[in-house]
C-alpha atoms as a PDB file:
ATOM      1  CA  MET A   1       2.413  29.975 -20.604  1.00  0.00           C
ATOM      2  CA  GLU A   2       2.323  26.223 -20.204  1.00  0.00           C
ATOM      3  CA  THR A   3      -1.013  24.616 -21.024  1.00  0.00           C
ATOM      4  CA  ARG A   4      -1.983  21.792 -18.699  1.00  0.00           C
ATOM      5  CA  GLU A   5      -3.477  18.806 -20.419  1.00  0.00           C
ATOM      6  CA  ARG A   6      -6.992  18.009 -19.245  1.00  0.00           C
ATOM      7  CA  PRO A   7      -7.919  14.493 -18.084  1.00  0.00           C
ATOM      8  CA  TRP A   8     -10.560  14.023 -20.776  1.00  0.00           C
ATOM      9  CA  GLN A   9      -7.964  14.832 -23.441  1.00  0.00           C
ATOM     10  CA  THR A  10      -5.674  12.107 -22.123  1.00  0.00           C
ATOM     11  CA  LEU A  11      -8.550   9.647 -21.975  1.00  0.00           C
ATOM     12  CA  ALA A  12      -9.674  10.526 -25.505  1.00  0.00           C
ATOM     13  CA  GLY A  13      -6.134  10.008 -26.819  1.00  0.00           C
ATOM     14  CA  VAL A  14      -5.800   6.629 -25.139  1.00  0.00           C
ATOM     15  CA  LEU A  15      -9.213   5.495 -26.377  1.00  0.00           C
ATOM     16  CA  MET A  16      -8.204   6.408 -29.922  1.00  0.00           C
ATOM     17  CA  VAL A  17      -5.095   4.264 -29.550  1.00  0.00           C
ATOM     18  CA  LEU A  18      -7.175   1.399 -28.163  1.00  0.00           C
ATOM     19  CA  ILE A  19      -9.463   1.625 -31.179  1.00  0.00           C
ATOM     20  CA  LEU A  20      -6.551   1.653 -33.620  1.00  0.00           C
ATOM     21  CA  ILE A  21      -4.675  -1.290 -32.076  1.00  0.00           C
ATOM     22  CA  PRO A  22      -7.071  -4.009 -33.382  1.00  0.00           C
ATOM     23  CA  LEU A  23      -6.822  -2.458 -36.838  1.00  0.00           C
ATOM     24  CA  ALA A  24      -3.038  -2.201 -36.735  1.00  0.00           C
ATOM     25  CA  PHE A  25      -2.628  -5.833 -35.640  1.00  0.00           C
ATOM     26  CA  ARG A  26      -5.405  -7.053 -37.953  1.00  0.00           C
ATOM     27  CA  MET A  27      -7.424  -8.661 -35.211  1.00  0.00           C
ATOM     28  CA  GLN A  28     -10.376 -10.623 -36.503  1.00  0.00           C
ATOM     29  CA  PRO A  29     -13.839  -9.629 -35.208  1.00  0.00           C
ATOM     30  CA  ALA A  30     -14.890 -13.280 -35.100  1.00  0.00           C
ATOM     31  CA  ARG A  31     -12.220 -13.961 -32.480  1.00  0.00           C
ATOM     32  CA  PHE A  32     -13.880 -11.509 -30.123  1.00  0.00           C
ATOM     33  CA  GLU A  33     -17.014 -13.688 -30.012  1.00  0.00           C
ATOM     34  CA  PRO A  34     -16.060 -15.425 -26.721  1.00  0.00           C
ATOM     35  CA  PHE A  35     -16.421 -12.038 -25.040  1.00  0.00           C
ATOM     36  CA  LEU A  36     -20.111 -12.015 -25.928  1.00  0.00           C
ATOM     37  CA  ASN A  37     -20.607 -14.820 -23.419  1.00  0.00           C
ATOM     38  CA  LEU A  38     -21.360 -13.994 -19.793  1.00  0.00           C
ATOM     39  CA  SER A  39     -19.304 -16.987 -18.628  1.00  0.00           C
ATOM     40  CA  THR A  40     -16.173 -15.436 -20.149  1.00  0.00           C
ATOM     41  CA  TRP A  41     -16.682 -12.231 -18.213  1.00  0.00           C
ATOM     42  CA  ARG A  42     -17.393 -14.189 -15.025  1.00  0.00           C
ATOM     43  CA  PHE A  43     -14.100 -16.016 -15.510  1.00  0.00           C
ATOM     44  CA  LEU A  44     -12.147 -12.801 -16.091  1.00  0.00           C
ATOM     45  CA  GLY A  45     -14.098 -10.950 -13.394  1.00  0.00           C
ATOM     46  CA  LEU A  46     -13.034 -13.473 -10.769  1.00  0.00           C
ATOM     47  CA  GLY A  47      -9.435 -12.976 -11.864  1.00  0.00           C
ATOM     48  CA  LEU A  48      -9.841  -9.205 -11.568  1.00  0.00           C
ATOM     49  CA  LEU A  49     -11.352  -9.653  -8.103  1.00  0.00           C
ATOM     50  CA  LEU A  50      -8.372 -11.772  -6.989  1.00  0.00           C
ATOM     51  CA  THR A  51      -5.993  -9.164  -8.441  1.00  0.00           C
ATOM     52  CA  LEU A  52      -7.665  -6.299  -6.594  1.00  0.00           C
ATOM     53  CA  GLU A  53      -7.981  -8.340  -3.401  1.00  0.00           C
ATOM     54  CA  ALA A  54      -4.280  -9.225  -3.318  1.00  0.00           C
ATOM     55  CA  SER A  55      -3.325  -5.624  -4.110  1.00  0.00           C
ATOM     56  CA  ALA A  56      -5.639  -4.175  -1.449  1.00  0.00           C
ATOM     57  CA  ILE A  57      -4.402  -6.550   1.258  1.00  0.00           C
ATOM     58  CA  ALA A  58      -0.777  -5.791   0.388  1.00  0.00           C
ATOM     59  CA  ILE A  59      -1.225  -2.001   0.322  1.00  0.00           C
ATOM     60  CA  LEU A  60      -3.188  -1.880   3.594  1.00  0.00           C
ATOM     61  CA  ALA A  61      -0.874  -4.271   5.417  1.00  0.00           C
ATOM     62  CA  SER A  62       2.159  -2.338   4.166  1.00  0.00           C
ATOM     63  CA  ILE A  63       1.170   0.886   5.956  1.00  0.00           C
ATOM     64  CA  PRO A  64       2.280  -0.233   9.473  1.00  0.00           C
ATOM     65  CA  LEU A  65       5.433  -1.726   7.945  1.00  0.00           C
ATOM     66  CA  ALA A  66       6.107   1.477   6.011  1.00  0.00           C
ATOM     67  CA  LEU A  67       5.616   3.518   9.180  1.00  0.00           C
ATOM     68  CA  PHE A  68       8.107   1.315  11.018  1.00  0.00           C
ATOM     69  CA  PHE A  69      10.678   1.629   8.220  1.00  0.00           C
ATOM     70  CA  ALA A  70      10.206   5.399   7.988  1.00  0.00           C
ATOM     71  CA  MET A  71      10.487   5.982  11.723  1.00  0.00           C
ATOM     72  CA  ALA A  72      13.459   3.653  12.108  1.00  0.00           C
ATOM     73  CA  ARG A  73      15.358   5.406   9.302  1.00  0.00           C
ATOM     74  CA  HIS A  74      14.340   8.881  10.400  1.00  0.00           C
ATOM     75  CA  SER A  75      14.961   8.785  14.135  1.00  0.00           C
ATOM     76  CA  GLY A  76      15.692   5.230  15.257  1.00  0.00           C
ATOM     77  CA  PRO A  77      18.754   4.274  17.294  1.00  0.00           C
ATOM     78  CA  PHE A  78      21.819   3.332  15.273  1.00  0.00           C
ATOM     79  CA  TRP A  79      21.477  -0.383  16.123  1.00  0.00           C
ATOM     80  CA  LEU A  80      18.030  -0.340  14.463  1.00  0.00           C
ATOM     81  CA  ARG A  81      18.548   2.311  11.788  1.00  0.00           C
ATOM     82  CA  TYR A  82      21.372   0.651   9.882  1.00  0.00           C
ATOM     83  CA  PRO A  83      19.831  -2.839   9.683  1.00  0.00           C
ATOM     84  CA  VAL A  84      16.573  -1.229   8.495  1.00  0.00           C
ATOM     85  CA  ILE A  85      18.463   0.771   5.853  1.00  0.00           C
ATOM     86  CA  ALA A  86      20.115  -2.426   4.614  1.00  0.00           C
ATOM     87  CA  LEU A  87      16.771  -4.276   4.619  1.00  0.00           C
ATOM     88  CA  VAL A  88      14.856  -1.537   2.785  1.00  0.00           C
ATOM     89  CA  GLU A  89      17.537  -1.000   0.157  1.00  0.00           C
ATOM     90  CA  GLY A  90      17.919  -4.752  -0.292  1.00  0.00           C
ATOM     91  CA  ILE A  91      14.192  -5.299  -0.818  1.00  0.00           C
ATOM     92  CA  ARG A  92      13.975  -2.398  -3.270  1.00  0.00           C
ATOM     93  CA  ALA A  93      16.972  -3.741  -5.222  1.00  0.00           C
ATOM     94  CA  LEU A  94      15.610  -7.282  -5.542  1.00  0.00           C
ATOM     95  CA  PRO A  95      13.512  -8.301  -8.559  1.00  0.00           C
ATOM     96  CA  LEU A  96       9.952  -8.664  -7.337  1.00  0.00           C
ATOM     97  CA  LEU A  97       9.588 -11.970  -9.191  1.00  0.00           C
ATOM     98  CA  GLY A  98      12.641 -13.346  -7.398  1.00  0.00           C
ATOM     99  CA  LEU A  99      11.165 -12.291  -4.063  1.00  0.00           C
ATOM    100  CA  MET A 100       7.914 -14.067  -4.932  1.00  0.00           C
ATOM    101  CA  PHE A 101       9.793 -17.265  -5.850  1.00  0.00           C
ATOM    102  CA  TYR A 102      11.808 -17.219  -2.631  1.00  0.00           C
ATOM    103  CA  LEU A 103       8.783 -16.604  -0.415  1.00  0.00           C
ATOM    104  CA  PHE A 104       6.752 -19.219  -2.269  1.00  0.00           C
ATOM    105  CA  LEU A 105       9.393 -21.865  -1.586  1.00  0.00           C
ATOM    106  CA  ARG A 106       9.905 -20.831   2.043  1.00  0.00           C
ATOM    107  CA  LEU A 107       6.235 -20.412   2.910  1.00  0.00           C
ATOM    108  CA  SER A 108       5.317 -23.682   1.207  1.00  0.00           C
ATOM    109  CA  ALA A 109       7.931 -25.556   3.232  1.00  0.00           C
ATOM    110  CA  LEU A 110       6.811 -23.828   6.430  1.00  0.00           C
ATOM    111  CA  GLY A 111       3.162 -24.548   5.694  1.00  0.00           C
ATOM    112  CA  ARG A 112       3.865 -28.246   5.191  1.00  0.00           C
ATOM    113  CA  GLN A 113       5.836 -28.408   8.449  1.00  0.00           C
ATOM    114  CA  LEU A 114       3.143 -26.647  10.463  1.00  0.00           C
ATOM    115  CA  GLY A 115       0.212 -28.201   8.608  1.00  0.00           C
ATOM    116  CA  ILE A 116      -1.115 -24.799   7.511  1.00  0.00           C
ATOM    117  CA  ASP A 117      -2.465 -25.200   3.981  1.00  0.00           C
ATOM    118  CA  ALA A 118      -2.951 -21.456   3.506  1.00  0.00           C
ATOM    119  CA  LEU A 119       0.818 -20.920   3.505  1.00  0.00           C
ATOM    120  CA  THR A 120       1.315 -23.383   0.647  1.00  0.00           C
ATOM    121  CA  ARG A 121      -0.982 -21.439  -1.695  1.00  0.00           C
ATOM    122  CA  PRO A 122       0.603 -19.177  -4.335  1.00  0.00           C
ATOM    123  CA  ASP A 123      -1.513 -16.180  -3.335  1.00  0.00           C
ATOM    124  CA  ALA A 124       0.119 -16.193   0.127  1.00  0.00           C
ATOM    125  CA  ALA A 125       3.560 -15.748  -1.441  1.00  0.00           C
ATOM    126  CA  VAL A 126       2.281 -13.110  -3.851  1.00  0.00           C
ATOM    127  CA  ILE A 127       0.688 -11.056  -1.067  1.00  0.00           C
ATOM    128  CA  ALA A 128       3.739 -11.454   1.194  1.00  0.00           C
ATOM    129  CA  ALA A 129       6.124 -10.330  -1.564  1.00  0.00           C
ATOM    130  CA  LEU A 130       3.949  -7.359  -2.487  1.00  0.00           C
ATOM    131  CA  TRP A 131       3.620  -6.497   1.208  1.00  0.00           C
ATOM    132  CA  LEU A 132       7.381  -6.408   1.776  1.00  0.00           C
ATOM    133  CA  TYR A 133       8.147  -4.578  -1.449  1.00  0.00           C
ATOM    134  CA  THR A 134       5.366  -2.035  -0.968  1.00  0.00           C
ATOM    135  CA  GLY A 135       6.324  -1.525   2.669  1.00  0.00           C
ATOM    136  CA  ALA A 136       9.850  -0.614   1.592  1.00  0.00           C
ATOM    137  CA  VAL A 137       8.665   1.726  -1.180  1.00  0.00           C
ATOM    138  CA  ASN A 138       5.980   3.396   0.923  1.00  0.00           C
ATOM    139  CA  GLY A 139       8.375   3.691   3.847  1.00  0.00           C
ATOM    140  CA  GLU A 140      10.626   5.859   1.704  1.00  0.00           C
ATOM    141  CA  ALA A 141       7.645   7.898   0.506  1.00  0.00           C
ATOM    142  CA  LEU A 142       6.527   8.475   4.087  1.00  0.00           C
ATOM    143  CA  ARG A 143      10.038   9.366   5.227  1.00  0.00           C
ATOM    144  CA  ALA A 144      10.327  11.856   2.371  1.00  0.00           C
ATOM    145  CA  ALA A 145       6.990  13.360   3.404  1.00  0.00           C
ATOM    146  CA  ILE A 146       8.247  13.766   6.980  1.00  0.00           C
ATOM    147  CA  LEU A 147      11.451  15.419   5.795  1.00  0.00           C
ATOM    148  CA  SER A 148       9.500  17.758   3.505  1.00  0.00           C
ATOM    149  CA  LEU A 149       7.600  19.350   6.383  1.00  0.00           C
ATOM    150  CA  PRO A 150       8.830  22.811   7.432  1.00  0.00           C
ATOM    151  CA  ARG A 151      11.133  22.937  10.437  1.00  0.00           C
ATOM    152  CA  GLY A 152       8.658  25.293  12.074  1.00  0.00           C
ATOM    153  CA  GLN A 153       6.190  22.431  12.543  1.00  0.00           C
ATOM    154  CA  TRP A 154       8.635  20.686  14.856  1.00  0.00           C
ATOM    155  CA  GLU A 155       9.491  23.884  16.680  1.00  0.00           C
ATOM    156  CA  ALA A 156       5.833  24.810  17.202  1.00  0.00           C
ATOM    157  CA  ALA A 157       5.026  21.332  18.537  1.00  0.00           C
ATOM    158  CA  ARG A 158       7.964  21.360  20.938  1.00  0.00           C
ATOM    159  CA  SER A 159       7.155  24.898  22.091  1.00  0.00           C
ATOM    160  CA  LEU A 160       3.756  23.600  23.208  1.00  0.00           C
ATOM    161  CA  GLY A 161       5.515  21.206  25.541  1.00  0.00           C
ATOM    162  CA  LEU A 162       4.938  18.090  23.451  1.00  0.00           C
ATOM    163  CA  THR A 163       7.448  15.279  23.688  1.00  0.00           C
ATOM    164  CA  TYR A 164       9.074  13.922  20.538  1.00  0.00           C
ATOM    165  CA  PHE A 165       6.609  11.074  20.247  1.00  0.00           C
ATOM    166  CA  GLN A 166       3.626  13.305  20.981  1.00  0.00           C
ATOM    167  CA  ALA A 167       4.785  15.800  18.350  1.00  0.00           C
ATOM    168  CA  MET A 168       5.269  12.987  15.862  1.00  0.00           C
ATOM    169  CA  ARG A 169       1.871  11.411  16.590  1.00  0.00           C
ATOM    170  CA  LEU A 170      -0.235  14.578  16.821  1.00  0.00           C
ATOM    171  CA  VAL A 171       1.471  17.011  14.454  1.00  0.00           C
ATOM    172  CA  ILE A 172       4.029  15.473  12.091  1.00  0.00           C
ATOM    173  CA  LEU A 173       2.583  12.113  11.042  1.00  0.00           C
ATOM    174  CA  PRO A 174      -0.942  13.387  10.186  1.00  0.00           C
ATOM    175  CA  GLN A 175       0.591  15.947   7.818  1.00  0.00           C
ATOM    176  CA  ALA A 176       3.081  13.407   6.440  1.00  0.00           C
ATOM    177  CA  PHE A 177       0.329  10.872   5.682  1.00  0.00           C
ATOM    178  CA  ARG A 178      -1.647  13.647   3.998  1.00  0.00           C
ATOM    179  CA  ARG A 179       1.296  14.389   1.717  1.00  0.00           C
ATOM    180  CA  ALA A 180       2.049  10.733   1.098  1.00  0.00           C
ATOM    181  CA  LEU A 181      -1.553   9.751   0.251  1.00  0.00           C
ATOM    182  CA  PRO A 182      -1.354  10.363  -3.545  1.00  0.00           C
ATOM    183  CA  PRO A 183       1.858   8.283  -3.863  1.00  0.00           C
ATOM    184  CA  LEU A 184       0.180   5.525  -1.842  1.00  0.00           C
ATOM    185  CA  VAL A 185      -2.729   5.437  -4.304  1.00  0.00           C
ATOM    186  CA  ALA A 186      -0.276   5.459  -7.216  1.00  0.00           C
ATOM    187  CA  GLN A 187       1.554   2.528  -5.627  1.00  0.00           C
ATOM    188  CA  PHE A 188      -1.741   0.632  -5.490  1.00  0.00           C
ATOM    189  CA  ALA A 189      -1.979   1.003  -9.272  1.00  0.00           C
ATOM    190  CA  THR A 190       1.526  -0.448  -9.544  1.00  0.00           C
ATOM    191  CA  LEU A 191       0.528  -3.392  -7.366  1.00  0.00           C
ATOM    192  CA  VAL A 192      -2.431  -4.174  -9.613  1.00  0.00           C
ATOM    193  CA  LYS A 193       0.011  -4.688 -12.491  1.00  0.00           C
ATOM    194  CA  ASP A 194       2.632  -6.480 -10.383  1.00  0.00           C
ATOM    195  CA  THR A 195       0.178  -9.197  -9.333  1.00  0.00           C
ATOM    196  CA  SER A 196       0.517 -10.573 -12.869  1.00  0.00           C
ATOM    197  CA  LEU A 197       4.013 -11.773 -11.903  1.00  0.00           C
ATOM    198  CA  GLY A 198       2.307 -14.238  -9.586  1.00  0.00           C
ATOM    199  CA  ALA A 199       1.162 -16.228 -12.627  1.00  0.00           C
ATOM    200  CA  ILE A 200       4.679 -17.700 -12.755  1.00  0.00           C
ATOM    201  CA  ILE A 201       4.153 -19.449  -9.396  1.00  0.00           C
ATOM    202  CA  GLY A 202       0.552 -20.475 -10.080  1.00  0.00           C
ATOM    203  CA  PHE A 203      -1.475 -17.477  -8.903  1.00  0.00           C
ATOM    204  CA  ILE A 204      -4.466 -17.513 -11.265  1.00  0.00           C
ATOM    205  CA  GLU A 205      -5.260 -13.804 -11.389  1.00  0.00           C
ATOM    206  CA  LEU A 206      -6.519 -11.687 -14.289  1.00  0.00           C
ATOM    207  CA  TYR A 207      -3.541 -12.082 -16.640  1.00  0.00           C
ATOM    208  CA  ARG A 208      -3.231 -15.826 -16.046  1.00  0.00           C
ATOM    209  CA  ARG A 209      -6.943 -16.281 -16.682  1.00  0.00           C
ATOM    210  CA  GLY A 210      -6.495 -14.446 -19.966  1.00  0.00           C
ATOM    211  CA  VAL A 211      -3.780 -16.935 -20.924  1.00  0.00           C
ATOM    212  CA  ILE A 212      -6.009 -19.866 -19.987  1.00  0.00           C
ATOM    213  CA  LEU A 213      -8.825 -18.347 -22.018  1.00  0.00           C
ATOM    214  CA  PHE A 214      -6.882 -17.826 -25.239  1.00  0.00           C
ATOM    215  CA  GLN A 215      -5.300 -21.278 -24.999  1.00  0.00           C
ATOM    216  CA  GLY A 216      -8.813 -22.682 -25.315  1.00  0.00           C
ATOM    217  CA  GLU A 217     -10.226 -20.161 -27.782  1.00  0.00           C
ATOM    218  CA  ARG A 218      -7.081 -19.785 -29.952  1.00  0.00           C
ATOM    219  CA  ASN A 219      -7.307 -15.982 -29.917  1.00  0.00           C
ATOM    220  CA  PRO A 220      -4.211 -14.715 -28.063  1.00  0.00           C
ATOM    221  CA  LEU A 221      -4.095 -11.221 -29.586  1.00  0.00           C
ATOM    222  CA  GLU A 222      -7.761 -10.529 -28.991  1.00  0.00           C
ATOM    223  CA  THR A 223      -7.790 -11.907 -25.430  1.00  0.00           C
ATOM    224  CA  LEU A 224      -4.646 -10.085 -24.347  1.00  0.00           C
ATOM    225  CA  TYR A 225      -6.053  -6.921 -25.884  1.00  0.00           C
ATOM    226  CA  VAL A 226      -9.200  -7.200 -23.760  1.00  0.00           C
ATOM    227  CA  VAL A 227      -7.220  -8.049 -20.620  1.00  0.00           C
ATOM    228  CA  SER A 228      -4.926  -5.083 -21.246  1.00  0.00           C
ATOM    229  CA  ALA A 229      -7.961  -2.827 -21.648  1.00  0.00           C
ATOM    230  CA  ILE A 230      -9.235  -4.023 -18.254  1.00  0.00           C
ATOM    231  CA  TYR A 231      -5.864  -3.245 -16.675  1.00  0.00           C
ATOM    232  CA  PHE A 232      -5.927   0.179 -18.303  1.00  0.00           C
ATOM    233  CA  GLY A 233      -9.423   0.933 -16.998  1.00  0.00           C
ATOM    234  CA  VAL A 234      -8.492   0.034 -13.411  1.00  0.00           C
ATOM    235  CA  ASN A 235      -5.153   1.848 -13.427  1.00  0.00           C
ATOM    236  CA  TYR A 236      -6.542   4.920 -15.171  1.00  0.00           C
ATOM    237  CA  ALA A 237      -9.235   5.200 -12.502  1.00  0.00           C
ATOM    238  CA  LEU A 238      -6.600   4.869  -9.760  1.00  0.00           C
ATOM    239  CA  GLY A 239      -4.402   7.437 -11.492  1.00  0.00           C
ATOM    240  CA  ARG A 240      -7.274   9.908 -11.632  1.00  0.00           C
ATOM    241  CA  LEU A 241      -7.986   9.225  -7.958  1.00  0.00           C
ATOM    242  CA  ALA A 242      -4.357  10.007  -7.074  1.00  0.00           C
ATOM    243  CA  ALA A 243      -4.501  13.236  -9.115  1.00  0.00           C
ATOM    244  CA  PHE A 244      -7.790  14.199  -7.457  1.00  0.00           C
ATOM    245  CA  LEU A 245      -6.359  13.633  -3.986  1.00  0.00           C
ATOM    246  CA  GLU A 246      -3.244  15.603  -4.886  1.00  0.00           C
ATOM    247  CA  GLN A 247      -5.362  18.515  -6.068  1.00  0.00           C
ATOM    248  CA  ARG A 248      -7.882  18.264  -3.222  1.00  0.00           C
ATOM    249  CA  LEU A 249      -5.166  18.193  -0.591  1.00  0.00           C
ATOM    250  CA  GLY A 250      -3.416  21.172  -2.149  1.00  0.00           C
ATOM    251  CA  LEU A 251      -0.240  19.284  -3.026  1.00  0.00           C
ATOM    252  CA  ARG A 252      -0.086  20.070  -6.745  1.00  0.00           C
ATOM    253  CA  ARG A 253       2.831  22.253  -7.697  1.00  0.00           C
ATOM    254  CA  GLY A 254       3.289  24.745 -10.490  1.00  0.00           C
END
């Protein structure tokens, strides 16, 4: 019989590793002193807030886009389906950093032409890139959830006299979103990490603030260790939330 690992066991194992890392890399306790200052945590906290804000905007804005992609690929007319397939596969195949660079250059030029300063900011390109990429990924997750529903759901809806769109809106999509909810939460955890790519184009989020901090304090190992621990705490909480939703919604297998 397979023994399922409990969440507290995973957490305990990770915490042990986190404790051993400073010892293994011979980090000096004195170099952790900047983290005794409230100003340091304010600085990093603002970066964490920007990271979560960009991720939340991208994940929420991606849901209508994901629904459009899923519906177009699942049952759209051929003149819409094939361009959407090419767009989704193209976005998923592109490096996310390259997409951020491209959008940063295009949005900056557009913002200067239209006189819209918000478009010239790096966070606009970061959010736009995460929105497109997440829309493509979540669109496939939602389409897979639709395809996973039993054929009888369609037949029961149609036997009640519902049209295709009524059946999709009232019967199919609510169940599909229910099945796709844990992957959506897991994708949010991925976005939290992917925002760090925005540091290349000047988005001063959590990781970039860590770099700025250790450049002044001369403690790169210690600062990156603390920043990594913050990332772990956020993503572990999101991972547990996804597992809870999967279990609560009765989607866990085995």
